[in-house]
Amino acid sequence: MISPIPNRMIPEEEIYRNFQDHARFCKESLMVETEARELVPMILSPGQIRLRDAIAKQRRAGKPARIIYLKSRRIQATTGTAAEFYHTTAFKPGVHTIVLAHDAPSSEKIFGIYKRFHTSYQPFAGTIALPPSRVLSDRIYFEFGDQPESSYIHVHTAGNVNFGRSQRITNLHFSEFPYYPDSAATRAAAMSAVPKTPDTTVVIEGTAKTIGDDFHRIWQEAVDPSRECEWLGLFMGWWEHPGNRMPLSVSLEQFANTLTIEERGLMGQFHLNYEQLAWRRYTIRSDFRGDMQSFQREHPATPEEAFTAASRNRFSIPHIQRMPIQRNCTVGELQIDELGDEKRTIFLPGDTGALRIYKMPERGRNYVCGADPSGGSDANEGKGQADPDWAVAQIGDRDTGEQCATLRLRCMPGEFGRYVYCLLRFYQNAQVALERTGAGVGSLEALVNCGYPTGLIYHRTVMPDQDPVVRSDKIGWNTDEVSRQQLISGLDDAIRQSSIFIHDPTTIAELGWFIINKNGRAEAQRGTHDDTVLALALMVVVMARMPRPRPPAEVIAAPKIGLYGKRAQDPKRHPAGLRVSRQSIRSD
């Protein structure tokens, strides 16, 4: 398979072992062109190392490598992918590599990378040479045995949806995938030619274009721990690329005195230096003429910035971006464990699951919950692949406003009500506001039938001036045009006042996609969901409107009665051990 040059100084086993070290192979054998148009040995950048590690991770798991790479500009993901594919194609028989670019100039540029690798190749360790090959205008053929076209690299322009149906593809690269004319159809046609075997690799990479397209949907599935997805999501922000720096044009002290609140926040969040901020300022001013939304789409700092809304945001983006997001959380499912007459709710961790936990329940703390059952609406409005709504519950700490858990699944209303019952029990009998409109009636009925105390479920008051302690029989939150605006406004106030702290990436993303449309209505942008937003708003309702739960009953010392009916100065415990609740003391 490999064409060696005789070299008796180095054992062949050691040469072949070192040849598998991709970073070493790139440095010793491949050449790349710098921005100054100089040819230098290829040293893997942070973004390229991340791609290499992701492919190796799926290989170790025995899975076909399927990578979706959301990136900032100029992180050299295309060059990194080309190096991966050249390494595996040029030295093995029967390896077929296909690269699809979004337009003709990009196709020529990408093929130039492969051609440069090929023409300037340095035999690895002075020993491993290239096999016989043939270079054409858009492809390179490698000869093994008596097959002159045994392995090859083809670079094409995406456009033909029937592409790939007659081929067997080993490596497939979708470059700047969001900008294809028909990305979903092109992907389906090309992927049908890729075997589902561990030796195959598919990389989808690009900068975000819009919300709701095929790239956005695949990305959301790849990073959603509640789903099983074959794609592994990678993100590379602008601040991670070592080339995104500029020297200061003023003194360090002068530059520091001009920092904005936003820039100081970025420094703390991403540990930036002044040279990185200088590059950011210059790029926003010169390349985007001050258009922050365009800058964030092309050079995002986080995945949430990459997919920015195309209209006016309903919630304050600066406040949302300061939320303490946690990308690594505990994921799993809840289960009721029966031991005789005793029932316990236990958590079963896993690689995927409907429940994401950011903070485990603690005894003695008060928790609140907002629950929004799924009505089954399709975010794609019946076009293309169906994307129905999710049933979501949000758990928060009533005292701190910290988001503790998110339950997100697709299920029938009754099943959701029973799952919410387990969730509420797990979080110390949390108070809950459950939306009852439409499908919510079934969820509410299931929750009550499970025996959950109705005193812990939100009740609507009859009169505006009614004491909230006095309950009505109108259980659950009823959503209409007026109450919906109250929900959204209450959540907006909580975000702006830092009354709540959100950890869940999906919730953060949906808050960013919740817009004011051209008719003035606040809703999720087309092709997206708002289920986590509404569940979070219902959680805020509990914090703002439901009275705090009374402390549990406890043994309290009864006052000692003196000889003449007066209380003694030192009351001791009642001889009979009278058990009195604090509620009864307050009502006396």
Protein backbone atom coordinates (compact mmCIF):
# COMPACT_ATOMS: atom_id res chain seq x y z
CA MET A 1 0.00 0.00 0.00
CA ILE A 2 2.82 2.43 0.86
CA SER A 3 5.74 2.96 -1.50
CA PRO A 4 8.90 2.93 0.67
CA ILE A 5 12.30 4.29 -0.28
CA PRO A 6 15.02 1.95 1.03
CA ASN A 7 16.41 3.31 4.27
CA ARG A 8 18.38 0.97 6.50
CA MET A 9 18.99 3.59 9.17
CA ILE A 10 15.43 3.52 10.58
CA PRO A 11 13.43 0.33 11.32
CA GLU A 12 10.36 -0.01 9.10
CA GLU A 13 8.08 -0.65 12.09
CA GLU A 14 9.05 2.67 13.64
CA ILE A 15 8.58 4.52 10.37
CA TYR A 16 5.08 3.13 9.86
CA ARG A 17 4.14 3.85 13.49
CA ASN A 18 5.27 7.46 13.19
CA PHE A 19 3.48 7.74 9.86
CA GLN A 20 0.17 7.25 11.67
CA ASP A 21 0.87 10.35 13.78
CA HIS A 22 -1.12 12.84 11.72
CA ALA A 23 0.42 15.98 13.22
CA ARG A 24 3.92 14.65 12.57
CA PHE A 25 3.00 13.61 9.03
CA CYS A 26 1.69 17.11 8.26
CA LYS A 27 4.77 18.82 9.65
CA GLU A 28 7.28 16.57 7.86
CA SER A 29 5.53 15.98 4.53
CA LEU A 30 2.94 18.66 3.69
CA MET A 31 3.38 22.29 2.72
CA VAL A 32 0.85 25.13 3.08
CA GLU A 33 0.78 28.70 1.86
CA THR A 34 0.76 31.53 4.40
CA GLU A 35 -1.12 34.81 4.02
CA ALA A 36 2.19 36.28 2.88
CA ARG A 37 2.16 33.62 0.09
CA GLU A 38 5.12 31.72 1.48
CA LEU A 39 5.31 27.93 1.49
CA VAL A 40 5.94 26.52 4.96
CA PRO A 41 5.58 23.09 6.61
CA MET A 42 2.06 22.47 7.86
CA ILE A 43 1.78 22.76 11.65
CA LEU A 44 -1.71 21.95 12.86
CA SER A 45 -3.67 24.94 14.20
CA PRO A 46 -6.01 24.64 17.21
CA GLY A 47 -9.02 24.18 14.92
CA GLN A 48 -7.27 21.47 12.92
CA ILE A 49 -6.21 19.67 16.09
CA ARG A 50 -9.83 19.73 17.24
CA LEU A 51 -10.92 18.10 13.98
CA ARG A 52 -8.20 15.43 14.26
CA ASP A 53 -9.24 14.60 17.85
CA ALA A 54 -12.93 14.37 16.88
CA ILE A 55 -12.25 11.92 14.06
CA ALA A 56 -9.99 9.85 16.32
CA LYS A 57 -12.69 9.79 19.01
CA GLN A 58 -15.27 8.28 16.68
CA ARG A 59 -12.71 5.85 15.28
CA ARG A 60 -11.96 4.59 18.81
CA ALA A 61 -15.67 4.07 19.37
CA GLY A 62 -15.84 1.95 16.22
CA LYS A 63 -18.22 4.39 14.53
CA PRO A 64 -18.14 6.00 11.09
CA ALA A 65 -16.69 9.49 11.53
CA ARG A 66 -19.45 12.07 11.05
CA ILE A 67 -18.40 15.61 11.97
CA ILE A 68 -20.34 18.87 11.70
CA TYR A 69 -18.03 21.83 12.18
CA LEU A 70 -19.53 25.23 13.01
CA LYS A 71 -16.76 27.77 12.78
CA SER A 72 -15.59 31.30 12.56
CA ARG A 73 -13.85 32.53 9.42
CA ARG A 74 -10.13 31.94 8.89
CA ILE A 75 -9.63 29.01 11.24
CA GLN A 76 -8.36 26.83 8.34
CA ALA A 77 -10.93 24.06 8.71
CA THR A 78 -10.87 23.39 4.95
CA THR A 79 -7.07 22.96 4.94
CA GLY A 80 -7.29 20.73 8.01
CA THR A 81 -9.91 18.51 6.36
CA ALA A 82 -7.83 18.36 3.17
CA ALA A 83 -4.79 17.18 5.14
CA GLU A 84 -6.87 14.46 6.84
CA PHE A 85 -8.21 13.19 3.53
CA TYR A 86 -4.92 13.43 1.63
CA HIS A 87 -3.22 11.39 4.35
CA THR A 88 -5.80 8.59 4.07
CA THR A 89 -6.24 8.66 0.27
CA ALA A 90 -2.77 8.93 -1.25
CA PHE A 91 -1.32 5.88 0.47
CA LYS A 92 -4.16 3.32 0.42
CA PRO A 93 -5.87 1.54 -2.47
CA GLY A 94 -9.59 1.89 -3.05
CA VAL A 95 -10.05 5.14 -1.13
CA HIS A 96 -12.39 7.59 -2.87
CA THR A 97 -12.45 11.19 -1.61
CA ILE A 98 -15.05 13.69 -2.79
CA VAL A 99 -15.04 17.40 -1.93
CA LEU A 100 -18.05 19.61 -2.68
CA ALA A 101 -17.58 23.40 -2.71
CA HIS A 102 -20.39 25.95 -2.75
CA ASP A 103 -19.17 27.76 -5.90
CA ALA A 104 -16.60 27.46 -8.71
CA PRO A 105 -13.95 29.83 -7.25
CA SER A 106 -14.05 27.93 -3.96
CA SER A 107 -13.73 24.65 -5.84
CA GLU A 108 -10.57 25.88 -7.58
CA LYS A 109 -9.14 27.16 -4.30
CA ILE A 110 -9.74 23.86 -2.48
CA PHE A 111 -8.25 21.81 -5.29
CA GLY A 112 -5.22 24.11 -5.13
CA ILE A 113 -4.69 22.98 -1.53
CA TYR A 114 -4.66 19.31 -2.55
CA LYS A 115 -2.47 20.00 -5.57
CA ARG A 116 0.04 21.86 -3.37
CA PHE A 117 0.13 18.93 -0.94
CA HIS A 118 0.82 16.64 -3.88
CA THR A 119 3.43 18.59 -5.84
CA SER A 120 5.41 19.71 -2.79
CA TYR A 121 5.13 16.43 -0.87
CA GLN A 122 8.25 15.50 1.11
CA PRO A 123 8.75 11.73 1.58
CA PHE A 124 7.90 10.98 5.19
CA ALA A 125 11.06 10.22 7.20
CA GLY A 126 12.85 10.30 3.84
CA THR A 127 11.31 6.91 3.21
CA ILE A 128 7.58 6.87 2.36
CA ALA A 129 7.08 8.19 -1.16
CA LEU A 130 3.90 8.77 -3.14
CA PRO A 131 2.57 6.03 -5.41
CA PRO A 132 2.31 6.67 -9.17
CA SER A 133 -0.29 9.37 -9.74
CA ARG A 134 -1.99 11.54 -12.34
CA VAL A 135 -3.11 15.13 -11.79
CA LEU A 136 -5.98 16.65 -13.79
CA SER A 137 -7.74 20.01 -13.51
CA ASP A 138 -10.01 19.01 -10.63
CA ARG A 139 -8.84 15.57 -9.49
CA ILE A 140 -5.85 13.44 -8.57
CA TYR A 141 -5.66 9.70 -9.29
CA PHE A 142 -3.38 7.28 -7.39
CA GLU A 143 -2.32 3.96 -8.91
CA PHE A 144 -2.16 0.75 -6.91
CA GLY A 145 -1.38 -2.58 -8.55
CA ASP A 146 -2.78 -2.64 -12.06
CA GLN A 147 -5.49 -0.04 -11.27
CA PRO A 148 -4.42 3.47 -12.38
CA GLU A 149 -7.51 5.01 -10.73
CA SER A 150 -7.63 2.87 -7.60
CA SER A 151 -7.78 5.86 -5.23
CA TYR A 152 -8.69 9.41 -6.09
CA ILE A 153 -9.52 12.91 -4.87
CA HIS A 154 -12.25 14.78 -6.79
CA VAL A 155 -13.21 18.39 -6.08
CA HIS A 156 -16.59 19.49 -7.45
CA THR A 157 -19.07 22.32 -7.15
CA ALA A 158 -22.28 21.41 -5.31
CA GLY A 159 -25.26 21.75 -7.61
CA ASN A 160 -26.27 18.37 -8.97
CA VAL A 161 -28.62 16.71 -6.49
CA ASN A 162 -28.06 13.34 -8.21
CA PHE A 163 -24.33 13.49 -7.52
CA GLY A 164 -22.74 10.40 -6.01
CA ARG A 165 -25.45 7.85 -6.75
CA SER A 166 -23.14 5.69 -8.90
CA GLN A 167 -20.05 5.92 -6.66
CA ARG A 168 -18.71 4.47 -3.45
CA ILE A 169 -17.36 7.35 -1.37
CA THR A 170 -14.89 6.81 1.47
CA ASN A 171 -14.27 10.44 2.46
CA LEU A 172 -16.77 13.24 1.87
CA HIS A 173 -16.26 16.93 2.59
CA PHE A 174 -19.13 19.44 2.40
CA SER A 175 -17.31 22.79 2.35
CA GLU A 176 -19.33 25.91 3.36
CA PHE A 177 -22.38 23.68 3.38
CA PRO A 178 -24.94 26.36 4.40
CA TYR A 179 -24.36 28.18 1.09
CA TYR A 180 -25.28 25.28 -1.21
CA PRO A 181 -28.20 25.94 -3.61
CA ASP A 182 -30.10 22.94 -2.17
CA SER A 183 -28.10 21.71 0.78
CA ALA A 184 -30.56 19.07 2.02
CA ALA A 185 -30.97 17.39 -1.39
CA THR A 186 -27.22 17.51 -2.11
CA ARG A 187 -26.43 16.00 1.27
CA ALA A 188 -28.97 13.19 0.85
CA ALA A 189 -27.68 12.28 -2.62
CA ALA A 190 -24.00 12.27 -1.66
CA MET A 191 -24.48 10.52 1.69
CA SER A 192 -26.28 7.65 -0.04
CA ALA A 193 -22.93 6.72 -1.63
CA VAL A 194 -21.04 6.60 1.70
CA PRO A 195 -21.03 3.16 3.40
CA LYS A 196 -21.89 3.09 7.10
CA THR A 197 -18.52 1.55 7.95
CA PRO A 198 -15.92 2.77 10.48
CA ASP A 199 -13.35 3.55 7.76
CA THR A 200 -15.52 6.30 6.23
CA THR A 201 -15.43 9.99 7.15
CA VAL A 202 -17.87 12.80 6.40
CA VAL A 203 -17.19 16.40 7.40
CA ILE A 204 -19.81 19.14 7.09
CA GLU A 205 -18.25 22.53 7.77
CA GLY A 206 -19.26 26.13 7.37
CA THR A 207 -20.18 29.41 8.95
CA ALA A 208 -23.84 29.84 9.85
CA LYS A 209 -26.12 31.41 7.26
CA THR A 210 -29.61 31.36 8.71
CA ILE A 211 -31.79 29.75 11.34
CA GLY A 212 -33.89 26.77 10.31
CA ASP A 213 -31.82 25.56 7.35
CA ASP A 214 -30.37 22.05 7.00
CA PHE A 215 -27.04 23.02 8.57
CA HIS A 216 -28.77 24.54 11.58
CA ARG A 217 -30.99 21.48 12.10
CA ILE A 218 -28.07 19.03 11.96
CA TRP A 219 -26.10 21.20 14.37
CA GLN A 220 -28.98 21.33 16.84
CA GLU A 221 -29.34 17.55 16.75
CA ALA A 222 -25.59 17.03 17.16
CA VAL A 223 -25.33 19.12 20.34
CA ASP A 224 -28.66 18.08 21.89
CA PRO A 225 -28.03 15.49 24.63
CA SER A 226 -31.69 14.44 24.58
CA ARG A 227 -31.21 12.90 21.11
CA GLU A 228 -29.12 10.09 19.73
CA CYS A 229 -27.29 11.56 16.75
CA GLU A 230 -24.55 10.14 14.54
CA TRP A 231 -23.06 13.60 14.04
CA LEU A 232 -20.46 15.00 16.41
CA GLY A 233 -20.65 18.79 16.74
CA LEU A 234 -17.48 20.91 16.85
CA PHE A 235 -17.30 24.66 17.35
CA MET A 236 -14.37 27.01 16.88
CA GLY A 237 -14.80 30.67 17.88
CA TRP A 238 -12.86 33.63 16.52
CA TRP A 239 -10.98 34.09 19.80
CA GLU A 240 -9.50 30.57 19.61
CA HIS A 241 -7.59 31.27 16.38
CA PRO A 242 -4.06 32.49 17.16
CA GLY A 243 -4.00 34.67 14.04
CA ASN A 244 -6.86 36.89 15.22
CA ARG A 245 -4.64 39.47 16.94
CA MET A 246 -3.44 42.97 16.12
CA PRO A 247 -0.75 45.12 17.74
CA LEU A 248 -2.01 48.09 19.75
CA SER A 249 -1.82 51.50 18.06
CA VAL A 250 -1.78 53.25 21.45
CA SER A 251 -0.21 52.51 24.80
CA LEU A 252 -1.48 49.63 26.92
CA GLU A 253 -2.86 52.03 29.51
CA GLN A 254 -4.68 54.14 26.91
CA PHE A 255 -6.26 51.08 25.32
CA ALA A 256 -7.34 49.71 28.70
CA ASN A 257 -9.07 53.01 29.53
CA THR A 258 -11.22 52.74 26.38
CA LEU A 259 -12.63 49.26 27.09
CA THR A 260 -16.41 49.01 27.00
CA ILE A 261 -18.51 46.99 29.44
CA GLU A 262 -19.05 44.41 26.68
CA GLU A 263 -15.30 44.10 26.00
CA ARG A 264 -14.51 43.70 29.69
CA GLY A 265 -17.12 40.95 29.84
CA LEU A 266 -15.51 39.18 26.86
CA MET A 267 -12.10 39.41 28.51
CA GLY A 268 -13.40 37.72 31.62
CA GLN A 269 -15.46 35.11 29.77
CA PHE A 270 -12.86 34.01 27.22
CA HIS A 271 -9.63 35.21 28.88
CA LEU A 272 -8.82 37.55 26.01
CA ASN A 273 -5.82 39.84 25.78
CA TYR A 274 -5.73 43.39 24.43
CA GLU A 275 -4.35 42.32 21.03
CA GLN A 276 -7.39 40.08 20.47
CA LEU A 277 -9.75 42.92 21.38
CA ALA A 278 -7.84 45.23 19.04
CA TRP A 279 -8.40 42.74 16.20
CA ARG A 280 -12.09 42.52 17.08
CA ARG A 281 -12.52 46.29 17.10
CA TYR A 282 -10.71 46.73 13.80
CA THR A 283 -12.66 43.94 12.10
CA ILE A 284 -16.05 45.24 13.24
CA ARG A 285 -15.20 48.75 12.13
CA SER A 286 -13.45 48.03 8.82
CA ASP A 287 -15.00 44.80 7.52
CA PHE A 288 -18.56 45.16 8.79
CA ARG A 289 -18.92 48.96 9.18
CA GLY A 290 -20.13 48.56 12.73
CA ASP A 291 -22.76 45.88 11.99
CA MET A 292 -22.40 43.73 15.09
CA GLN A 293 -24.92 41.11 13.98
CA SER A 294 -23.03 40.47 10.72
CA PHE A 295 -19.73 40.26 12.60
CA GLN A 296 -21.12 37.70 15.04
CA ARG A 297 -22.47 35.57 12.21
CA GLU A 298 -19.10 35.47 10.41
CA HIS A 299 -16.91 35.51 13.52
CA PRO A 300 -19.00 34.05 16.37
CA ALA A 301 -17.58 33.72 19.86
CA THR A 302 -20.16 31.06 20.80
CA PRO A 303 -22.49 28.76 18.83
CA GLU A 304 -25.42 30.89 20.01
CA GLU A 305 -23.91 33.98 18.38
CA ALA A 306 -23.45 32.12 15.09
CA PHE A 307 -27.17 31.59 14.59
CA THR A 308 -28.44 35.11 15.15
CA ALA A 309 -32.04 36.11 14.60
CA ALA A 310 -32.96 37.78 11.32
CA SER A 311 -35.38 40.21 12.98
CA ARG A 312 -35.80 42.21 16.18
CA ASN A 313 -35.06 40.24 19.32
CA ARG A 314 -37.74 40.27 22.02
CA PHE A 315 -35.29 39.62 24.85
CA SER A 316 -32.14 41.55 25.70
CA ILE A 317 -29.27 39.85 23.85
CA PRO A 318 -26.52 41.46 26.02
CA HIS A 319 -28.17 40.09 29.16
CA ILE A 320 -28.62 36.66 27.56
CA GLN A 321 -24.99 36.51 26.45
CA ARG A 322 -23.86 37.09 30.02
CA MET A 323 -25.72 34.03 31.30
CA PRO A 324 -23.44 31.34 32.86
CA ILE A 325 -23.94 28.74 30.15
CA GLN A 326 -22.87 25.13 30.90
CA ARG A 327 -22.22 22.93 27.86
CA ASN A 328 -21.36 19.88 29.94
CA CYS A 329 -24.19 18.70 32.14
CA THR A 330 -25.46 15.47 33.67
CA VAL A 331 -27.87 13.76 31.29
CA GLY A 332 -30.25 10.86 31.86
CA GLU A 333 -33.75 9.77 32.85
CA LEU A 334 -35.89 9.55 35.97
CA GLN A 335 -37.46 6.34 37.20
CA ILE A 336 -39.75 5.44 40.09
CA ASP A 337 -38.25 2.63 42.16
CA GLU A 338 -40.70 0.65 44.31
CA LEU A 339 -39.43 -1.08 47.43
CA GLY A 340 -42.46 -2.66 49.04
CA ASP A 341 -44.85 0.16 49.89
CA GLU A 342 -42.12 2.78 49.49
CA LYS A 343 -41.66 4.62 46.20
CA ARG A 344 -38.52 6.54 45.39
CA THR A 345 -37.66 8.65 42.38
CA ILE A 346 -34.14 7.90 41.19
CA PHE A 347 -31.99 9.41 38.46
CA LEU A 348 -30.32 7.16 35.89
CA PRO A 349 -27.42 8.94 34.16
CA GLY A 350 -26.53 8.15 30.56
CA ASP A 351 -24.92 9.48 27.40
CA THR A 352 -28.31 10.78 26.23
CA GLY A 353 -31.62 11.42 27.93
CA ALA A 354 -34.58 13.75 28.20
CA LEU A 355 -33.42 15.29 31.48
CA ARG A 356 -30.41 17.63 31.72
CA ILE A 357 -29.32 18.41 35.27
CA TYR A 358 -27.20 21.45 36.06
CA LYS A 359 -27.65 21.28 39.82
CA MET A 360 -28.82 18.29 41.80
CA PRO A 361 -31.64 18.77 44.35
CA GLU A 362 -30.61 19.61 47.89
CA ARG A 363 -32.64 18.85 50.97
CA GLY A 364 -34.27 21.91 52.49
CA ARG A 365 -34.25 24.09 49.35
CA ASN A 366 -37.36 25.38 47.58
CA TYR A 367 -37.65 24.57 43.89
CA VAL A 368 -40.03 25.88 41.24
CA CYS A 369 -41.06 24.46 37.88
CA GLY A 370 -42.63 25.71 34.66
CA ALA A 371 -44.07 23.04 32.33
CA ASP A 372 -45.20 23.51 28.73
CA PRO A 373 -46.76 20.42 27.09
CA SER A 374 -46.37 19.90 23.36
CA GLY A 375 -49.25 20.81 21.11
CA GLY A 376 -47.67 19.00 18.15
CA SER A 377 -47.14 22.06 15.94
CA ASP A 378 -44.54 21.65 13.20
CA ALA A 379 -41.80 24.30 13.22
CA ASN A 380 -41.29 23.65 9.49
CA GLU A 381 -44.98 24.25 8.78
CA GLY A 382 -45.34 20.98 6.89
CA LYS A 383 -42.41 21.67 4.54
CA GLY A 384 -39.61 19.10 4.37
CA GLN A 385 -38.86 16.93 7.38
CA ALA A 386 -41.32 17.35 10.24
CA ASP A 387 -39.99 19.10 13.35
CA PRO A 388 -42.79 19.01 15.95
CA ASP A 389 -42.81 20.98 19.19
CA TRP A 390 -41.19 19.68 22.36
CA ALA A 391 -42.72 19.13 25.77
CA VAL A 392 -40.50 21.02 28.21
CA ALA A 393 -40.22 21.54 31.95
CA GLN A 394 -37.77 23.93 33.62
CA ILE A 395 -36.63 23.58 37.23
CA GLY A 396 -35.20 26.52 39.18
CA ASP A 397 -34.09 27.35 42.70
CA ARG A 398 -36.68 29.71 44.14
CA ASP A 399 -34.21 31.49 46.41
CA THR A 400 -31.42 32.10 43.89
CA GLY A 401 -33.22 32.00 40.52
CA GLU A 402 -30.64 29.51 39.23
CA GLN A 403 -31.77 27.09 36.55
CA CYS A 404 -31.26 23.57 37.93
CA ALA A 405 -32.65 21.21 35.27
CA THR A 406 -34.39 21.05 31.90
CA LEU A 407 -36.70 18.25 30.80
CA ARG A 408 -37.17 18.17 27.02
CA LEU A 409 -38.86 15.37 25.11
CA ARG A 410 -41.53 14.57 22.55
CA CYS A 411 -44.42 12.61 24.03
CA MET A 412 -48.18 12.53 24.52
CA PRO A 413 -49.75 14.91 27.09
CA GLY A 414 -50.53 12.21 29.66
CA GLU A 415 -47.03 10.77 29.52
CA PHE A 416 -45.59 14.26 29.97
CA GLY A 417 -47.76 14.85 33.05
CA ARG A 418 -46.51 11.64 34.63
CA TYR A 419 -42.88 12.51 33.85
CA VAL A 420 -43.36 15.99 35.35
CA TYR A 421 -44.72 14.28 38.48
CA CYS A 422 -41.45 12.34 38.83
CA LEU A 423 -39.44 15.50 38.20
CA LEU A 424 -41.33 17.49 40.85
CA ARG A 425 -40.91 14.73 43.41
CA PHE A 426 -37.21 14.49 42.60
CA TYR A 427 -36.82 18.21 43.24
CA GLN A 428 -38.21 18.19 46.77
CA ASN A 429 -41.92 18.56 45.80
CA ALA A 430 -41.39 21.67 43.69
CA GLN A 431 -44.15 24.17 43.04
CA VAL A 432 -45.28 24.11 39.41
CA ALA A 433 -47.15 26.20 36.85
CA LEU A 434 -48.37 23.88 34.11
CA GLU A 435 -49.86 25.32 30.93
CA ARG A 436 -53.36 23.89 30.55
CA THR A 437 -54.44 25.26 27.17
CA GLY A 438 -55.01 22.59 24.49
CA ALA A 439 -52.91 19.50 25.16
CA GLY A 440 -52.06 20.80 28.64
CA VAL A 441 -55.39 19.59 30.03
CA GLY A 442 -54.25 15.97 29.58
CA SER A 443 -50.91 16.67 31.24
CA LEU A 444 -52.55 18.47 34.15
CA GLU A 445 -55.04 15.66 34.65
CA ALA A 446 -52.24 13.06 34.65
CA LEU A 447 -50.27 15.08 37.22
CA VAL A 448 -53.26 15.33 39.55
CA ASN A 449 -54.16 11.66 39.08
CA CYS A 450 -50.63 10.73 40.17
CA GLY A 451 -51.51 12.28 43.53
CA TYR A 452 -49.47 15.43 43.35
CA PRO A 453 -50.71 17.96 45.94
CA THR A 454 -52.89 20.57 44.25
CA GLY A 455 -51.63 23.16 46.72
CA LEU A 456 -48.27 23.00 44.93
CA ILE A 457 -49.85 23.58 41.50
CA TYR A 458 -50.51 27.10 40.23
CA HIS A 459 -54.16 28.23 40.50
CA ARG A 460 -55.59 31.18 38.63
CA THR A 461 -57.20 33.79 40.84
CA VAL A 462 -60.82 34.81 40.28
CA MET A 463 -60.48 38.54 40.96
CA PRO A 464 -57.46 40.80 40.31
CA ASP A 465 -57.35 41.87 43.97
CA GLN A 466 -57.87 38.39 45.40
CA ASP A 467 -55.43 37.23 48.06
CA PRO A 468 -53.11 34.72 46.32
CA VAL A 469 -53.19 32.54 49.45
CA VAL A 470 -56.91 32.00 48.83
CA ARG A 471 -57.08 29.38 46.11
CA SER A 472 -59.66 29.12 43.35
CA ASP A 473 -60.60 25.90 41.62
CA LYS A 474 -59.06 27.12 38.33
CA ILE A 475 -55.92 25.02 38.30
CA GLY A 476 -53.12 25.51 35.75
CA TRP A 477 -52.01 28.44 33.59
CA ASN A 478 -54.43 29.35 30.81
CA THR A 479 -52.73 30.98 27.80
CA ASP A 480 -54.57 33.57 25.70
CA GLU A 481 -53.34 36.70 23.93
CA VAL A 482 -53.33 38.73 27.16
CA SER A 483 -51.76 36.12 29.45
CA ARG A 484 -49.17 35.25 26.78
CA GLN A 485 -47.93 38.83 26.80
CA GLN A 486 -47.82 38.70 30.60
CA LEU A 487 -45.70 35.55 30.41
CA ILE A 488 -43.21 37.07 27.98
CA SER A 489 -42.99 40.39 29.80
CA GLY A 490 -42.44 38.68 33.14
CA LEU A 491 -39.61 36.59 31.70
CA ASP A 492 -38.05 39.65 30.05
CA ASP A 493 -38.06 41.53 33.37
CA ALA A 494 -36.49 38.57 35.17
CA ILE A 495 -33.70 38.38 32.58
CA ARG A 496 -32.98 42.12 32.62
CA GLN A 497 -33.02 42.27 36.43
CA SER A 498 -30.80 39.17 36.73
CA SER A 499 -33.48 37.47 38.81
CA ILE A 500 -32.79 34.19 37.02
CA PHE A 501 -29.57 32.54 35.85
CA ILE A 502 -29.74 30.21 32.85
CA HIS A 503 -27.30 27.37 32.18
CA ASP A 504 -29.00 25.37 29.40
CA PRO A 505 -27.58 26.03 25.88
CA THR A 506 -30.87 25.17 24.17
CA THR A 507 -32.77 27.65 26.34
CA ILE A 508 -30.16 30.34 25.63
CA ALA A 509 -30.43 29.66 21.90
CA GLU A 510 -34.24 29.77 21.82
CA LEU A 511 -34.24 33.04 23.77
CA GLY A 512 -32.03 34.47 21.02
CA TRP A 513 -34.40 33.24 18.30
CA PHE A 514 -37.50 34.64 19.97
CA ILE A 515 -38.28 37.69 17.86
CA ILE A 516 -40.83 40.40 17.14
CA ASN A 517 -42.15 39.67 13.67
CA LYS A 518 -43.25 42.21 11.07
CA ASN A 519 -46.77 42.23 12.55
CA GLY A 520 -45.47 43.06 16.03
CA ARG A 521 -46.09 39.63 17.51
CA ALA A 522 -43.43 38.08 19.75
CA GLU A 523 -42.78 34.50 18.67
CA ALA A 524 -40.10 32.00 17.67
CA GLN A 525 -38.43 32.73 14.37
CA ARG A 526 -39.68 30.49 11.57
CA GLY A 527 -38.03 27.08 11.64
CA THR A 528 -37.25 27.21 15.37
CA HIS A 529 -38.95 26.37 18.65
CA ASP A 530 -39.89 28.39 21.74
CA ASP A 531 -40.87 25.55 24.11
CA THR A 532 -37.97 26.10 26.53
CA VAL A 533 -38.74 29.84 26.53
CA LEU A 534 -42.39 29.39 27.51
CA ALA A 535 -41.54 26.78 30.14
CA LEU A 536 -38.98 29.19 31.61
CA ALA A 537 -41.59 31.96 31.63
CA LEU A 538 -43.97 29.68 33.54
CA MET A 539 -41.20 29.00 36.04
CA VAL A 540 -40.94 32.76 36.59
CA VAL A 541 -44.73 32.83 37.17
CA VAL A 542 -44.30 30.48 40.11
CA MET A 543 -41.57 32.65 41.61
CA ALA A 544 -43.59 35.84 41.19
CA ARG A 545 -47.16 34.76 41.94
CA MET A 546 -47.30 31.65 44.08
CA PRO A 547 -46.86 32.05 47.83
CA ARG A 548 -43.85 30.35 49.30
CA PRO A 549 -44.60 26.85 50.61
CA ARG A 550 -45.00 26.61 54.36
CA PRO A 551 -42.16 24.88 56.21
CA PRO A 552 -42.89 21.27 57.20
CA ALA A 553 -44.50 20.52 60.55
CA GLU A 554 -42.04 20.17 63.41
CA VAL A 555 -42.05 19.61 67.14
CA ILE A 556 -42.27 22.98 68.88
CA ALA A 557 -42.04 23.50 72.64
CA ALA A 558 -45.40 24.24 74.25
CA PRO A 559 -45.41 27.19 76.70
CA LYS A 560 -45.34 26.20 80.36
CA ILE A 561 -48.41 27.40 82.28
CA GLY A 562 -47.74 28.83 85.73
CA LEU A 563 -49.73 28.27 88.89
CA TYR A 564 -52.03 31.21 88.27
CA GLY A 565 -52.44 30.78 84.53
CA LYS A 566 -49.43 32.89 83.54
CA ARG A 567 -46.68 31.82 81.18
CA ALA A 568 -43.39 30.91 82.75
CA GLN A 569 -40.29 32.83 81.72
CA ASP A 570 -38.51 29.62 80.67
CA PRO A 571 -40.90 27.44 78.68
CA LYS A 572 -39.84 23.82 78.43
CA ARG A 573 -41.00 21.00 76.21
CA HIS A 574 -44.62 19.94 76.92
CA PRO A 575 -44.69 16.71 78.91
CA ALA A 576 -46.91 15.08 76.34
CA GLY A 577 -44.62 16.13 73.47
CA LEU A 578 -47.37 18.10 71.71
CA ARG A 579 -46.72 18.19 67.91
CA VAL A 580 -47.74 21.55 66.53
CA SER A 581 -47.18 22.91 63.02
CA ARG A 582 -46.11 26.47 62.31
CA GLN A 583 -49.28 26.83 60.29
CA SER A 584 -51.42 26.24 63.36
CA ILE A 585 -49.38 28.77 65.32
CA ARG A 586 -49.94 31.40 62.66
CA SER A 587 -53.65 30.73 62.52
CA ASP A 588 -54.16 30.99 66.29
